[in-house]
Amino acid sequence: MRVFHRLTFLEFFGYLALVLGIAIQAYALVSHPGSRISGDDMFGGAVVLCLAIAFIHSARPLLNLALVGLSGLGFGYFTFIHTQNWWWTVILAIVAMSFLVYLLDLRGDIRRRQSTWFHF
């Protein structure tokens, strides 16, 4: 039998922001693809996903990195739509993802939890 973890308000807000951010980004891809409106919507979804990452702060590093990747892709899409330049798109997406990893201290979490991993 599995014991369920009761969500705090902040975790609930984080999961709500996760669903909303993914929905906004999906809507941006479907409605008016390639337009500036779509790029602006994608930027909004990426910002909401940043909030979700901050409030969820999961113990699973793959989930955190996947959310950082989705948010970085959103920032990259926004940059490409507005500049039409792949060079700036790649640079700004990498910078955004690096900033999120640094800001949310995901690297430190992985190092702290590394001692609890099973070693073979």
C-alpha atoms as a PDB file:
ATOM      1  CA  MET A   1       0.000   0.000   0.000  1.00  0.00           C
ATOM      2  CA  ARG A   2       1.341   3.378  -0.944  1.00  0.00           C
ATOM      3  CA  VAL A   3       1.232   6.330   1.413  1.00  0.00           C
ATOM      4  CA  PHE A   4       0.336   9.582  -0.282  1.00  0.00           C
ATOM      5  CA  HIS A   5       2.157  12.789   0.483  1.00  0.00           C
ATOM      6  CA  ARG A   6      -0.122  15.641   1.443  1.00  0.00           C
ATOM      7  CA  LEU A   7       0.566  18.736  -0.655  1.00  0.00           C
ATOM      8  CA  THR A   8       1.344  22.049   0.938  1.00  0.00           C
ATOM      9  CA  PHE A   9      -0.176  25.196  -0.512  1.00  0.00           C
ATOM     10  CA  LEU A  10       3.106  26.106  -2.210  1.00  0.00           C
ATOM     11  CA  GLU A  11       3.428  22.679  -3.830  1.00  0.00           C
ATOM     12  CA  PHE A  12      -0.191  22.864  -4.986  1.00  0.00           C
ATOM     13  CA  PHE A  13       0.504  26.308  -6.458  1.00  0.00           C
ATOM     14  CA  GLY A  14       3.583  24.895  -8.185  1.00  0.00           C
ATOM     15  CA  TYR A  15       1.667  22.018  -9.781  1.00  0.00           C
ATOM     16  CA  LEU A  16      -1.095  24.411 -10.816  1.00  0.00           C
ATOM     17  CA  ALA A  17       1.527  26.665 -12.426  1.00  0.00           C
ATOM     18  CA  LEU A  18       3.031  23.596 -14.139  1.00  0.00           C
ATOM     19  CA  VAL A  19      -0.287  22.655 -15.736  1.00  0.00           C
ATOM     20  CA  LEU A  20      -0.997  26.260 -16.684  1.00  0.00           C
ATOM     21  CA  GLY A  21       2.493  26.804 -18.143  1.00  0.00           C
ATOM     22  CA  ILE A  22       2.332  23.668 -20.274  1.00  0.00           C
ATOM     23  CA  ALA A  23      -1.171  24.606 -21.434  1.00  0.00           C
ATOM     24  CA  ILE A  24      -0.035  28.111 -22.404  1.00  0.00           C
ATOM     25  CA  GLN A  25       2.946  26.753 -24.326  1.00  0.00           C
ATOM     26  CA  ALA A  26       0.802  24.147 -26.102  1.00  0.00           C
ATOM     27  CA  TYR A  27      -1.715  26.836 -27.029  1.00  0.00           C
ATOM     28  CA  ALA A  28       1.103  29.027 -28.348  1.00  0.00           C
ATOM     29  CA  LEU A  29       2.297  26.226 -30.622  1.00  0.00           C
ATOM     30  CA  VAL A  30      -1.180  25.497 -31.975  1.00  0.00           C
ATOM     31  CA  SER A  31      -2.579  28.994 -32.431  1.00  0.00           C
ATOM     32  CA  HIS A  32      -0.857  31.193 -34.985  1.00  0.00           C
ATOM     33  CA  PRO A  33       2.414  29.204 -35.171  1.00  0.00           C
ATOM     34  CA  GLY A  34       5.368  31.351 -36.162  1.00  0.00           C
ATOM     35  CA  SER A  35       3.687  34.664 -35.364  1.00  0.00           C
ATOM     36  CA  ARG A  36       4.750  37.248 -32.812  1.00  0.00           C
ATOM     37  CA  ILE A  37       1.595  36.546 -30.804  1.00  0.00           C
ATOM     38  CA  SER A  38       2.632  32.916 -30.574  1.00  0.00           C
ATOM     39  CA  GLY A  39       6.130  33.957 -29.471  1.00  0.00           C
ATOM     40  CA  ASP A  40       4.729  36.239 -26.776  1.00  0.00           C
ATOM     41  CA  ASP A  41       2.434  33.472 -25.522  1.00  0.00           C
ATOM     42  CA  MET A  42       5.380  31.081 -25.435  1.00  0.00           C
ATOM     43  CA  PHE A  43       7.360  33.585 -23.349  1.00  0.00           C
ATOM     44  CA  GLY A  44       4.465  33.804 -20.900  1.00  0.00           C
ATOM     45  CA  GLY A  45       4.299  30.014 -20.650  1.00  0.00           C
ATOM     46  CA  ALA A  46       8.054  29.848 -20.034  1.00  0.00           C
ATOM     47  CA  VAL A  47       7.787  32.375 -17.195  1.00  0.00           C
ATOM     48  CA  VAL A  48       4.912  30.431 -15.619  1.00  0.00           C
ATOM     49  CA  LEU A  49       7.001  27.243 -15.873  1.00  0.00           C
ATOM     50  CA  CYS A  50       9.822  29.064 -14.053  1.00  0.00           C
ATOM     51  CA  LEU A  51       7.382  29.732 -11.220  1.00  0.00           C
ATOM     52  CA  ALA A  52       6.367  26.081 -11.240  1.00  0.00           C
ATOM     53  CA  ILE A  53       9.985  24.956 -10.961  1.00  0.00           C
ATOM     54  CA  ALA A  54      10.580  27.325  -8.058  1.00  0.00           C
ATOM     55  CA  PHE A  55       7.519  26.243  -6.099  1.00  0.00           C
ATOM     56  CA  ILE A  56       7.612  22.489  -6.782  1.00  0.00           C
ATOM     57  CA  HIS A  57      11.350  22.059  -6.232  1.00  0.00           C
ATOM     58  CA  SER A  58      11.018  18.297  -6.617  1.00  0.00           C
ATOM     59  CA  ALA A  59      13.431  15.784  -5.142  1.00  0.00           C
ATOM     60  CA  ARG A  60      13.661  14.177  -8.590  1.00  0.00           C
ATOM     61  CA  PRO A  61      16.392  15.942 -10.569  1.00  0.00           C
ATOM     62  CA  LEU A  62      15.132  14.631 -13.925  1.00  0.00           C
ATOM     63  CA  LEU A  63      11.764  16.322 -13.411  1.00  0.00           C
ATOM     64  CA  ASN A  64      13.473  19.597 -12.523  1.00  0.00           C
ATOM     65  CA  LEU A  65      15.786  19.407 -15.528  1.00  0.00           C
ATOM     66  CA  ALA A  66      12.893  18.512 -17.854  1.00  0.00           C
ATOM     67  CA  LEU A  67      10.969  21.559 -16.651  1.00  0.00           C
ATOM     68  CA  VAL A  68      14.047  23.751 -17.057  1.00  0.00           C
ATOM     69  CA  GLY A  69      14.414  22.371 -20.593  1.00  0.00           C
ATOM     70  CA  LEU A  70      10.770  23.147 -21.440  1.00  0.00           C
ATOM     71  CA  SER A  71      11.146  26.637 -20.080  1.00  0.00           C
ATOM     72  CA  GLY A  72      14.390  27.135 -22.004  1.00  0.00           C
ATOM     73  CA  LEU A  73      12.719  25.980 -25.211  1.00  0.00           C
ATOM     74  CA  GLY A  74       9.975  28.529 -24.600  1.00  0.00           C
ATOM     75  CA  PHE A  75      12.520  31.314 -24.217  1.00  0.00           C
ATOM     76  CA  GLY A  76      14.319  30.059 -27.326  1.00  0.00           C
ATOM     77  CA  TYR A  77      11.098  30.018 -29.364  1.00  0.00           C
ATOM     78  CA  PHE A  78      10.327  33.569 -28.254  1.00  0.00           C
ATOM     79  CA  THR A  79      13.820  34.700 -29.248  1.00  0.00           C
ATOM     80  CA  PHE A  80      13.680  33.013 -32.648  1.00  0.00           C
ATOM     81  CA  ILE A  81      10.265  34.453 -33.490  1.00  0.00           C
ATOM     82  CA  HIS A  82      11.402  37.980 -32.668  1.00  0.00           C
ATOM     83  CA  THR A  83      14.932  37.878 -34.136  1.00  0.00           C
ATOM     84  CA  GLN A  84      14.751  35.162 -36.840  1.00  0.00           C
ATOM     85  CA  ASN A  85      18.364  34.340 -35.927  1.00  0.00           C
ATOM     86  CA  TRP A  86      19.396  30.846 -34.818  1.00  0.00           C
ATOM     87  CA  TRP A  87      22.615  32.062 -33.229  1.00  0.00           C
ATOM     88  CA  TRP A  88      20.821  34.339 -30.745  1.00  0.00           C
ATOM     89  CA  THR A  89      18.167  31.699 -30.164  1.00  0.00           C
ATOM     90  CA  VAL A  90      20.696  29.080 -29.077  1.00  0.00           C
ATOM     91  CA  ILE A  91      22.707  31.542 -26.988  1.00  0.00           C
ATOM     92  CA  LEU A  92      19.698  32.937 -25.112  1.00  0.00           C
ATOM     93  CA  ALA A  93      18.126  29.506 -24.548  1.00  0.00           C
ATOM     94  CA  ILE A  94      21.377  28.209 -23.022  1.00  0.00           C
ATOM     95  CA  VAL A  95      21.743  31.348 -20.908  1.00  0.00           C
ATOM     96  CA  ALA A  96      18.132  31.071 -19.676  1.00  0.00           C
ATOM     97  CA  MET A  97      18.535  27.408 -18.750  1.00  0.00           C
ATOM     98  CA  SER A  98      21.879  28.050 -17.046  1.00  0.00           C
ATOM     99  CA  PHE A  99      20.376  30.925 -15.093  1.00  0.00           C
ATOM    100  CA  LEU A 100      17.492  28.729 -13.924  1.00  0.00           C
ATOM    101  CA  VAL A 101      19.810  25.928 -12.844  1.00  0.00           C
ATOM    102  CA  TYR A 102      21.989  28.398 -10.956  1.00  0.00           C
ATOM    103  CA  LEU A 103      19.101  30.392  -9.469  1.00  0.00           C
ATOM    104  CA  LEU A 104      17.210  27.349  -8.240  1.00  0.00           C
ATOM    105  CA  ASP A 105      20.397  25.655  -6.977  1.00  0.00           C
ATOM    106  CA  LEU A 106      19.572  22.404  -8.775  1.00  0.00           C
ATOM    107  CA  ARG A 107      23.244  21.464  -8.912  1.00  0.00           C
ATOM    108  CA  GLY A 108      23.546  21.841  -5.133  1.00  0.00           C
ATOM    109  CA  ASP A 109      20.465  19.678  -4.606  1.00  0.00           C
ATOM    110  CA  ILE A 110      21.950  16.914  -6.725  1.00  0.00           C
ATOM    111  CA  ARG A 111      25.213  17.059  -4.786  1.00  0.00           C
ATOM    112  CA  ARG A 112      23.448  16.998  -1.393  1.00  0.00           C
ATOM    113  CA  ARG A 113      21.246  14.068  -2.360  1.00  0.00           C
ATOM    114  CA  GLN A 114      24.069  12.145  -4.015  1.00  0.00           C
ATOM    115  CA  SER A 115      25.068  10.560  -0.695  1.00  0.00           C
ATOM    116  CA  THR A 116      21.646   8.893  -0.481  1.00  0.00           C
ATOM    117  CA  TRP A 117      21.947   7.225  -3.880  1.00  0.00           C
ATOM    118  CA  PHE A 118      22.703   3.539  -4.022  1.00  0.00           C
ATOM    119  CA  HIS A 119      26.254   2.727  -5.013  1.00  0.00           C
ATOM    120  CA  PHE A 120      27.069  -0.499  -6.800  1.00  0.00           C
END
